[in-house]
Amino acid sequence: MDKKVYNCNICDSEIDIDNGDIVGYFGICKVAFCVWCLSSMTDMVIQLNGFNDITVLKERIKELKE
């Protein structure tokens, strides 16, 4: 395991991979996100795609089944 200390690219808190924080790549750019910022980004994607609306989710499921 890489012992380098990373900081979250959003809030600058120290990354603790054992606590659910992640280190990875966006293309060739190395990124690190704490569990709070990762959760917030995930929630933003859910909201932007309408996945928090049960009607949209039912429509998407129906489309996938077809």
C-alpha atoms as a PDB file:
ATOM      1  CA  MET A   1       0.000   0.000   0.000  1.00  0.00           C
ATOM      2  CA  ASP A   2       1.180   3.464  -0.867  1.00  0.00           C
ATOM      3  CA  LYS A   3       2.132   5.215   2.403  1.00  0.00           C
ATOM      4  CA  LYS A   4       2.046   8.724   0.904  1.00  0.00           C
ATOM      5  CA  VAL A   5      -0.244  11.137   2.746  1.00  0.00           C
ATOM      6  CA  TYR A   6      -3.041  12.451   0.545  1.00  0.00           C
ATOM      7  CA  ASN A   7      -5.539  15.224   1.110  1.00  0.00           C
ATOM      8  CA  CYS A   8      -9.080  15.489  -0.224  1.00  0.00           C
ATOM      9  CA  ASN A   9      -9.173  17.479  -3.460  1.00  0.00           C
ATOM     10  CA  ILE A  10     -12.309  19.278  -2.273  1.00  0.00           C
ATOM     11  CA  CYS A  11     -12.024  19.992   1.460  1.00  0.00           C
ATOM     12  CA  ASP A  12      -8.279  19.352   1.945  1.00  0.00           C
ATOM     13  CA  SER A  13      -8.814  16.961   4.891  1.00  0.00           C
ATOM     14  CA  GLU A  14      -6.294  14.153   5.307  1.00  0.00           C
ATOM     15  CA  ILE A  15      -7.282  10.941   3.501  1.00  0.00           C
ATOM     16  CA  ASP A  16      -7.779   7.755   5.514  1.00  0.00           C
ATOM     17  CA  ILE A  17      -8.382   4.871   3.108  1.00  0.00           C
ATOM     18  CA  ASP A  18      -9.313   2.585   6.036  1.00  0.00           C
ATOM     19  CA  ASN A  19     -12.184   4.986   6.830  1.00  0.00           C
ATOM     20  CA  GLY A  20     -13.768   4.818   3.364  1.00  0.00           C
ATOM     21  CA  ASP A  21     -11.833   7.631   1.701  1.00  0.00           C
ATOM     22  CA  ILE A  22     -10.620   6.916  -1.837  1.00  0.00           C
ATOM     23  CA  VAL A  23      -7.602   7.681  -3.996  1.00  0.00           C
ATOM     24  CA  GLY A  24      -7.788   7.139  -7.729  1.00  0.00           C
ATOM     25  CA  TYR A  25      -7.604   8.793 -11.131  1.00  0.00           C
ATOM     26  CA  PHE A  26      -9.804  11.006 -13.292  1.00  0.00           C
ATOM     27  CA  GLY A  27      -8.161  10.054 -16.559  1.00  0.00           C
ATOM     28  CA  ILE A  28      -4.485  10.758 -15.890  1.00  0.00           C
ATOM     29  CA  CYS A  29      -5.105  13.140 -12.955  1.00  0.00           C
ATOM     30  CA  LYS A  30      -4.630  11.635  -9.493  1.00  0.00           C
ATOM     31  CA  VAL A  31      -7.518  12.506  -7.156  1.00  0.00           C
ATOM     32  CA  ALA A  32      -8.442  11.798  -3.548  1.00  0.00           C
ATOM     33  CA  PHE A  33     -11.799  12.259  -1.844  1.00  0.00           C
ATOM     34  CA  CYS A  34     -12.813  11.936   1.781  1.00  0.00           C
ATOM     35  CA  VAL A  35     -15.949   9.952   2.540  1.00  0.00           C
ATOM     36  CA  TRP A  36     -17.956  13.156   3.131  1.00  0.00           C
ATOM     37  CA  CYS A  37     -17.044  14.795  -0.169  1.00  0.00           C
ATOM     38  CA  LEU A  38     -17.470  11.512  -2.069  1.00  0.00           C
ATOM     39  CA  SER A  39     -20.916  11.096  -0.537  1.00  0.00           C
ATOM     40  CA  SER A  40     -21.812  14.671  -1.442  1.00  0.00           C
ATOM     41  CA  MET A  41     -20.715  14.182  -5.064  1.00  0.00           C
ATOM     42  CA  THR A  42     -22.711  10.956  -5.275  1.00  0.00           C
ATOM     43  CA  ASP A  43     -25.782  12.752  -3.919  1.00  0.00           C
ATOM     44  CA  MET A  44     -25.304  15.557  -6.455  1.00  0.00           C
ATOM     45  CA  VAL A  45     -25.218  13.040  -9.336  1.00  0.00           C
ATOM     46  CA  ILE A  46     -28.384  11.392  -7.991  1.00  0.00           C
ATOM     47  CA  GLN A  47     -30.170  14.752  -7.871  1.00  0.00           C
ATOM     48  CA  LEU A  48     -28.907  15.966 -11.264  1.00  0.00           C
ATOM     49  CA  ASN A  49     -30.092  12.770 -12.973  1.00  0.00           C
ATOM     50  CA  GLY A  50     -33.471  12.712 -11.242  1.00  0.00           C
ATOM     51  CA  PHE A  51     -32.726   9.458  -9.424  1.00  0.00           C
ATOM     52  CA  ASN A  52     -34.261  10.914  -6.246  1.00  0.00           C
ATOM     53  CA  ASP A  53     -37.664  10.970  -8.023  1.00  0.00           C
ATOM     54  CA  ILE A  54     -39.534   7.649  -7.824  1.00  0.00           C
ATOM     55  CA  THR A  55     -41.301   8.318 -11.145  1.00  0.00           C
ATOM     56  CA  VAL A  56     -37.999   8.815 -12.959  1.00  0.00           C
ATOM     57  CA  LEU A  57     -36.600   5.673 -11.350  1.00  0.00           C
ATOM     58  CA  LYS A  58     -39.621   3.593 -12.415  1.00  0.00           C
ATOM     59  CA  GLU A  59     -39.282   4.904 -15.986  1.00  0.00           C
ATOM     60  CA  ARG A  60     -35.572   4.063 -16.051  1.00  0.00           C
ATOM     61  CA  ILE A  61     -36.237   0.532 -14.750  1.00  0.00           C
ATOM     62  CA  LYS A  62     -38.919   0.050 -17.406  1.00  0.00           C
ATOM     63  CA  GLU A  63     -36.505   1.214 -20.126  1.00  0.00           C
ATOM     64  CA  LEU A  64     -33.833  -1.191 -18.891  1.00  0.00           C
ATOM     65  CA  LYS A  65     -36.241  -4.132 -18.978  1.00  0.00           C
ATOM     66  CA  GLU A  66     -37.177  -3.468 -22.619  1.00  0.00           C
END
